[in-house]
N, C-alpha and C. Protein backbone atom coordinates (compact mmCIF):
# COMPACT_ATOMS: atom_id res chain seq x y z
N UNK A 1 -32.81 -7.79 -19.33
CA UNK A 1 -33.19 -6.85 -18.30
C UNK A 1 -34.01 -5.73 -18.94
N UNK A 2 -35.15 -5.47 -18.40
CA UNK A 2 -36.03 -4.43 -18.93
C UNK A 2 -35.81 -3.12 -18.17
N UNK A 3 -35.69 -2.04 -18.92
CA UNK A 3 -35.52 -0.73 -18.31
C UNK A 3 -36.79 0.07 -18.50
N UNK A 4 -37.30 0.64 -17.42
CA UNK A 4 -38.51 1.45 -17.50
C UNK A 4 -38.23 2.83 -16.94
N UNK A 5 -38.85 3.81 -17.56
CA UNK A 5 -38.70 5.19 -17.10
C UNK A 5 -40.09 5.75 -16.81
N UNK A 6 -40.19 6.50 -15.74
CA UNK A 6 -41.49 7.11 -15.47
C UNK A 6 -41.69 8.32 -16.37
N UNK A 7 -42.93 8.80 -16.44
CA UNK A 7 -43.28 9.90 -17.35
C UNK A 7 -42.49 11.17 -17.03
N UNK A 8 -42.29 11.48 -15.76
CA UNK A 8 -41.57 12.70 -15.39
C UNK A 8 -40.12 12.62 -15.87
N UNK A 9 -39.49 11.45 -15.73
CA UNK A 9 -38.12 11.28 -16.20
C UNK A 9 -38.04 11.55 -17.70
N UNK A 10 -38.96 10.97 -18.46
CA UNK A 10 -38.95 11.17 -19.90
C UNK A 10 -39.20 12.63 -20.26
N UNK A 11 -40.11 13.29 -19.52
CA UNK A 11 -40.37 14.71 -19.77
C UNK A 11 -39.12 15.53 -19.50
N UNK A 12 -38.46 15.28 -18.37
CA UNK A 12 -37.23 16.00 -18.02
C UNK A 12 -36.14 15.72 -19.05
N UNK A 13 -36.03 14.47 -19.50
CA UNK A 13 -35.02 14.09 -20.49
C UNK A 13 -35.24 14.83 -21.80
N UNK A 14 -36.48 14.95 -22.24
CA UNK A 14 -36.79 15.63 -23.49
C UNK A 14 -36.57 17.13 -23.41
N UNK A 15 -36.53 17.69 -22.20
CA UNK A 15 -36.33 19.12 -22.03
C UNK A 15 -34.88 19.50 -21.78
N UNK A 16 -33.98 18.51 -21.81
CA UNK A 16 -32.57 18.80 -21.62
C UNK A 16 -32.04 19.67 -22.76
N UNK A 17 -31.19 20.59 -22.42
CA UNK A 17 -30.57 21.44 -23.43
C UNK A 17 -29.12 20.99 -23.58
N UNK A 18 -28.75 20.55 -24.78
CA UNK A 18 -27.37 20.08 -24.95
C UNK A 18 -26.37 21.22 -24.80
N UNK A 19 -25.17 20.88 -24.36
CA UNK A 19 -24.12 21.89 -24.19
C UNK A 19 -23.71 22.48 -25.52
N UNK A 20 -23.73 21.65 -26.56
CA UNK A 20 -23.35 22.10 -27.88
C UNK A 20 -24.47 21.73 -28.86
N UNK A 21 -25.02 22.72 -29.54
CA UNK A 21 -26.08 22.41 -30.50
C UNK A 21 -25.54 21.56 -31.66
N UNK A 22 -26.39 20.71 -32.20
CA UNK A 22 -26.00 19.85 -33.32
C UNK A 22 -26.58 20.41 -34.61
N UNK A 23 -25.70 20.74 -35.52
CA UNK A 23 -26.10 21.21 -36.84
C UNK A 23 -26.51 19.99 -37.67
N UNK A 24 -27.60 20.08 -38.45
CA UNK A 24 -28.01 18.92 -39.24
C UNK A 24 -26.94 18.46 -40.22
N UNK A 25 -26.05 19.36 -40.61
CA UNK A 25 -24.96 18.98 -41.50
C UNK A 25 -24.07 17.90 -40.91
N UNK A 26 -23.90 17.92 -39.58
CA UNK A 26 -23.09 16.89 -38.92
C UNK A 26 -23.70 15.51 -39.14
N UNK A 27 -25.01 15.43 -39.01
CA UNK A 27 -25.73 14.17 -39.20
C UNK A 27 -25.60 13.71 -40.65
N UNK A 28 -25.81 14.65 -41.56
CA UNK A 28 -25.74 14.32 -42.98
C UNK A 28 -24.32 13.91 -43.39
N UNK A 29 -23.34 14.59 -42.84
CA UNK A 29 -21.94 14.25 -43.16
C UNK A 29 -21.62 12.83 -42.69
N UNK A 30 -22.05 12.47 -41.49
CA UNK A 30 -21.85 11.11 -40.98
C UNK A 30 -22.54 10.09 -41.89
N UNK A 31 -23.73 10.44 -42.36
CA UNK A 31 -24.48 9.54 -43.23
C UNK A 31 -23.75 9.32 -44.55
N UNK A 32 -23.21 10.38 -45.11
CA UNK A 32 -22.44 10.25 -46.37
C UNK A 32 -21.23 9.36 -46.17
N UNK A 33 -20.52 9.58 -45.07
CA UNK A 33 -19.33 8.77 -44.79
C UNK A 33 -19.72 7.31 -44.61
N UNK A 34 -20.80 7.06 -43.89
CA UNK A 34 -21.26 5.68 -43.67
C UNK A 34 -21.62 4.99 -44.99
N UNK A 35 -22.27 5.74 -45.88
CA UNK A 35 -22.69 5.17 -47.17
C UNK A 35 -21.58 5.17 -48.21
N UNK A 36 -20.49 5.87 -47.93
CA UNK A 36 -19.39 5.93 -48.88
C UNK A 36 -19.69 6.80 -50.09
N UNK A 37 -20.49 7.83 -49.88
CA UNK A 37 -20.86 8.75 -50.97
C UNK A 37 -19.96 9.98 -50.91
N UNK A 38 -19.37 10.35 -52.03
CA UNK A 38 -18.51 11.52 -52.03
C UNK A 38 -19.36 12.80 -52.08
N UNK A 39 -18.84 13.83 -51.45
CA UNK A 39 -19.54 15.11 -51.45
C UNK A 39 -19.70 15.65 -52.87
N UNK A 40 -18.67 15.49 -53.67
CA UNK A 40 -18.72 16.00 -55.05
C UNK A 40 -19.82 15.32 -55.85
N UNK A 41 -19.92 13.99 -55.73
CA UNK A 41 -20.96 13.26 -56.46
C UNK A 41 -22.34 13.64 -55.98
N UNK A 42 -22.49 13.79 -54.67
CA UNK A 42 -23.80 14.16 -54.14
C UNK A 42 -24.18 15.56 -54.58
N UNK A 43 -23.25 16.49 -54.52
CA UNK A 43 -23.53 17.86 -54.95
C UNK A 43 -23.97 17.88 -56.41
N UNK A 44 -23.28 17.12 -57.21
CA UNK A 44 -23.62 17.06 -58.64
C UNK A 44 -25.02 16.48 -58.83
N UNK A 45 -25.31 15.39 -58.13
CA UNK A 45 -26.63 14.77 -58.30
C UNK A 45 -27.76 15.65 -57.76
N UNK A 46 -27.46 16.46 -56.74
CA UNK A 46 -28.46 17.36 -56.17
C UNK A 46 -28.59 18.66 -56.98
N UNK A 47 -27.62 18.92 -57.84
CA UNK A 47 -27.65 20.13 -58.64
C UNK A 47 -27.27 21.38 -57.87
N UNK A 48 -26.37 21.20 -56.88
CA UNK A 48 -25.88 22.36 -56.12
C UNK A 48 -24.35 22.36 -56.20
N UNK A 49 -23.78 23.53 -55.92
CA UNK A 49 -22.32 23.64 -55.94
C UNK A 49 -21.71 22.83 -54.80
N UNK A 50 -20.55 22.28 -55.06
CA UNK A 50 -19.82 21.51 -54.05
C UNK A 50 -19.58 22.35 -52.81
N UNK A 51 -19.19 23.61 -52.99
CA UNK A 51 -18.89 24.47 -51.83
C UNK A 51 -20.12 24.67 -50.95
N UNK A 52 -21.29 24.78 -51.56
CA UNK A 52 -22.53 24.93 -50.78
C UNK A 52 -22.76 23.68 -49.94
N UNK A 53 -22.65 22.52 -50.56
CA UNK A 53 -22.84 21.26 -49.84
C UNK A 53 -21.83 21.13 -48.72
N UNK A 54 -20.58 21.40 -49.01
CA UNK A 54 -19.51 21.30 -48.01
C UNK A 54 -19.76 22.23 -46.83
N UNK A 55 -20.22 23.44 -47.10
CA UNK A 55 -20.49 24.40 -46.02
C UNK A 55 -21.66 23.92 -45.15
N UNK A 56 -22.66 23.31 -45.75
CA UNK A 56 -23.78 22.75 -44.97
C UNK A 56 -23.26 21.61 -44.10
N UNK A 57 -22.53 20.69 -44.69
CA UNK A 57 -22.04 19.52 -43.97
C UNK A 57 -21.09 19.89 -42.84
N UNK A 58 -20.40 21.01 -42.96
CA UNK A 58 -19.47 21.45 -41.92
C UNK A 58 -20.08 22.48 -40.98
N UNK A 59 -21.38 22.71 -41.10
CA UNK A 59 -22.08 23.59 -40.17
C UNK A 59 -21.82 25.06 -40.38
N UNK A 60 -21.33 25.45 -41.55
CA UNK A 60 -21.04 26.86 -41.83
C UNK A 60 -22.15 27.54 -42.62
N UNK A 61 -23.15 26.77 -43.02
CA UNK A 61 -24.27 27.30 -43.79
C UNK A 61 -25.52 26.57 -43.29
N UNK A 62 -26.61 27.28 -43.11
CA UNK A 62 -27.82 26.61 -42.62
C UNK A 62 -28.45 25.73 -43.70
N UNK A 63 -29.14 24.72 -43.23
CA UNK A 63 -29.95 23.89 -44.10
C UNK A 63 -31.23 24.66 -44.40
N UNK A 64 -31.57 24.80 -45.66
CA UNK A 64 -32.81 25.49 -46.03
C UNK A 64 -33.86 24.44 -46.35
N UNK A 65 -35.07 24.90 -46.53
CA UNK A 65 -36.16 23.99 -46.89
C UNK A 65 -35.84 23.28 -48.22
N UNK A 66 -35.31 24.05 -49.16
CA UNK A 66 -34.98 23.47 -50.47
C UNK A 66 -33.88 22.42 -50.36
N UNK A 67 -32.82 22.75 -49.63
CA UNK A 67 -31.74 21.77 -49.53
C UNK A 67 -32.18 20.55 -48.72
N UNK A 68 -33.04 20.75 -47.72
CA UNK A 68 -33.55 19.61 -46.96
C UNK A 68 -34.34 18.67 -47.87
N UNK A 69 -35.14 19.25 -48.76
CA UNK A 69 -35.90 18.43 -49.70
C UNK A 69 -34.99 17.74 -50.72
N UNK A 70 -33.91 18.42 -51.10
CA UNK A 70 -32.93 17.79 -52.00
C UNK A 70 -32.25 16.61 -51.32
N UNK A 71 -31.89 16.77 -50.04
CA UNK A 71 -31.30 15.65 -49.30
C UNK A 71 -32.29 14.51 -49.17
N UNK A 72 -33.55 14.84 -48.93
CA UNK A 72 -34.58 13.81 -48.83
C UNK A 72 -34.67 13.01 -50.13
N UNK A 73 -34.69 13.71 -51.25
CA UNK A 73 -34.79 13.03 -52.55
C UNK A 73 -33.53 12.21 -52.86
N UNK A 74 -32.37 12.76 -52.53
CA UNK A 74 -31.11 12.09 -52.87
C UNK A 74 -30.76 10.94 -51.94
N UNK A 75 -31.10 11.10 -50.64
CA UNK A 75 -30.66 10.11 -49.65
C UNK A 75 -31.79 9.35 -48.97
N UNK A 76 -33.03 9.81 -49.19
CA UNK A 76 -34.16 9.16 -48.54
C UNK A 76 -34.28 9.49 -47.07
N UNK A 77 -33.69 10.60 -46.65
CA UNK A 77 -33.76 11.05 -45.26
C UNK A 77 -34.87 12.09 -45.16
N UNK A 78 -35.83 11.86 -44.28
CA UNK A 78 -36.98 12.75 -44.12
C UNK A 78 -36.52 14.19 -43.85
N UNK A 79 -37.04 15.12 -44.61
CA UNK A 79 -36.62 16.52 -44.51
C UNK A 79 -37.13 17.23 -43.25
N UNK A 80 -38.28 16.83 -42.75
CA UNK A 80 -38.86 17.55 -41.60
C UNK A 80 -38.02 17.44 -40.32
N UNK A 81 -37.55 16.25 -39.94
CA UNK A 81 -36.67 16.20 -38.77
C UNK A 81 -35.38 16.99 -38.97
N UNK A 82 -34.88 17.01 -40.19
CA UNK A 82 -33.68 17.81 -40.47
C UNK A 82 -33.95 19.29 -40.23
N UNK A 83 -35.11 19.75 -40.68
CA UNK A 83 -35.46 21.17 -40.49
C UNK A 83 -35.70 21.48 -39.02
N UNK A 84 -36.29 20.54 -38.28
CA UNK A 84 -36.47 20.76 -36.84
C UNK A 84 -35.11 20.85 -36.14
N UNK A 85 -34.18 20.02 -36.58
CA UNK A 85 -32.84 20.06 -36.01
C UNK A 85 -32.17 21.39 -36.33
N UNK A 86 -32.37 21.91 -37.53
CA UNK A 86 -31.80 23.21 -37.90
C UNK A 86 -32.41 24.32 -37.04
N UNK A 87 -33.71 24.27 -36.84
CA UNK A 87 -34.38 25.28 -36.01
C UNK A 87 -33.86 25.23 -34.58
N UNK A 88 -33.74 24.03 -34.04
CA UNK A 88 -33.23 23.88 -32.67
C UNK A 88 -31.78 24.39 -32.59
N UNK A 89 -30.99 24.08 -33.61
CA UNK A 89 -29.61 24.56 -33.67
C UNK A 89 -29.58 26.10 -33.65
N UNK A 90 -30.44 26.70 -34.49
CA UNK A 90 -30.49 28.17 -34.55
C UNK A 90 -30.87 28.76 -33.20
N UNK A 91 -31.88 28.18 -32.55
CA UNK A 91 -32.35 28.71 -31.26
C UNK A 91 -31.28 28.56 -30.18
N UNK A 92 -30.65 27.40 -30.11
CA UNK A 92 -29.62 27.19 -29.10
C UNK A 92 -28.41 28.08 -29.34
N UNK A 93 -28.07 28.28 -30.60
CA UNK A 93 -26.93 29.14 -30.93
C UNK A 93 -27.20 30.58 -30.53
N UNK A 94 -28.38 31.09 -30.83
CA UNK A 94 -28.68 32.48 -30.49
C UNK A 94 -28.78 32.67 -28.98
N UNK A 95 -29.23 31.64 -28.27
CA UNK A 95 -29.32 31.74 -26.81
C UNK A 95 -27.95 31.78 -26.15
N UNK A 96 -26.91 31.41 -26.88
CA UNK A 96 -25.55 31.50 -26.36
C UNK A 96 -24.94 32.88 -26.60
N UNK A 97 -25.66 33.74 -27.30
CA UNK A 97 -25.21 35.11 -27.57
C UNK A 97 -25.65 36.00 -26.41
N UNK A 98 -24.71 36.31 -25.51
CA UNK A 98 -25.05 37.04 -24.29
C UNK A 98 -25.59 38.44 -24.57
N UNK A 99 -25.08 39.13 -25.57
CA UNK A 99 -25.57 40.48 -25.85
C UNK A 99 -27.02 40.44 -26.35
N UNK A 100 -27.36 39.44 -27.14
CA UNK A 100 -28.74 39.31 -27.61
C UNK A 100 -29.66 38.93 -26.46
N UNK A 101 -29.18 38.06 -25.58
CA UNK A 101 -30.00 37.65 -24.44
C UNK A 101 -30.24 38.83 -23.49
N UNK A 102 -29.26 39.72 -23.34
CA UNK A 102 -29.45 40.93 -22.54
C UNK A 102 -30.51 41.82 -23.18
N UNK A 103 -30.46 41.93 -24.48
CA UNK A 103 -31.46 42.71 -25.22
C UNK A 103 -32.86 42.15 -24.99
N UNK A 104 -33.00 40.83 -25.03
CA UNK A 104 -34.29 40.20 -24.77
C UNK A 104 -34.77 40.47 -23.34
N UNK A 105 -33.84 40.40 -22.40
CA UNK A 105 -34.20 40.65 -21.00
C UNK A 105 -34.73 42.07 -20.82
N UNK A 106 -34.08 43.03 -21.46
CA UNK A 106 -34.55 44.42 -21.38
C UNK A 106 -35.94 44.56 -22.01
N UNK A 107 -36.13 43.92 -23.13
CA UNK A 107 -37.41 43.97 -23.81
C UNK A 107 -38.51 43.32 -22.97
N UNK A 108 -38.20 42.21 -22.34
CA UNK A 108 -39.19 41.55 -21.48
C UNK A 108 -39.53 42.42 -20.27
N UNK A 109 -38.55 43.13 -19.77
CA UNK A 109 -38.77 44.02 -18.63
C UNK A 109 -39.73 45.15 -19.05
N UNK A 110 -39.52 45.71 -20.21
CA UNK A 110 -40.39 46.78 -20.71
C UNK A 110 -41.81 46.25 -20.94
N UNK A 111 -41.91 45.07 -21.51
CA UNK A 111 -43.22 44.48 -21.80
C UNK A 111 -43.98 44.15 -20.50
N UNK A 112 -43.24 43.85 -19.42
CA UNK A 112 -43.88 43.52 -18.14
C UNK A 112 -44.47 44.75 -17.47
N UNK A 113 -44.00 45.92 -17.84
CA UNK A 113 -44.52 47.16 -17.24
C UNK A 113 -45.84 47.46 -17.83
């Protein structure tokens, strides 16, 4: 059975905002588990502290350009989609901060005058 989607459906689908942002560490952690690679061994091979790696994998520390490139070299996972995922995570997370969003609304109101 072939499934076809019209262009508007695909456009709407791509603009959906997930209820919970996905940190790239979640993806990387799943990949390590799938491959059977220990965090300690990976941290050692990447030349970073275990705690830094663990914090990234658990979403407590952002993925930086350097660490994304280290993951790319160590695991063969393209760094650019990981960085886009981190940026999207950052944007969705800040948009859930109501006090910051109120601040933006006030600023937009002033700019509209």
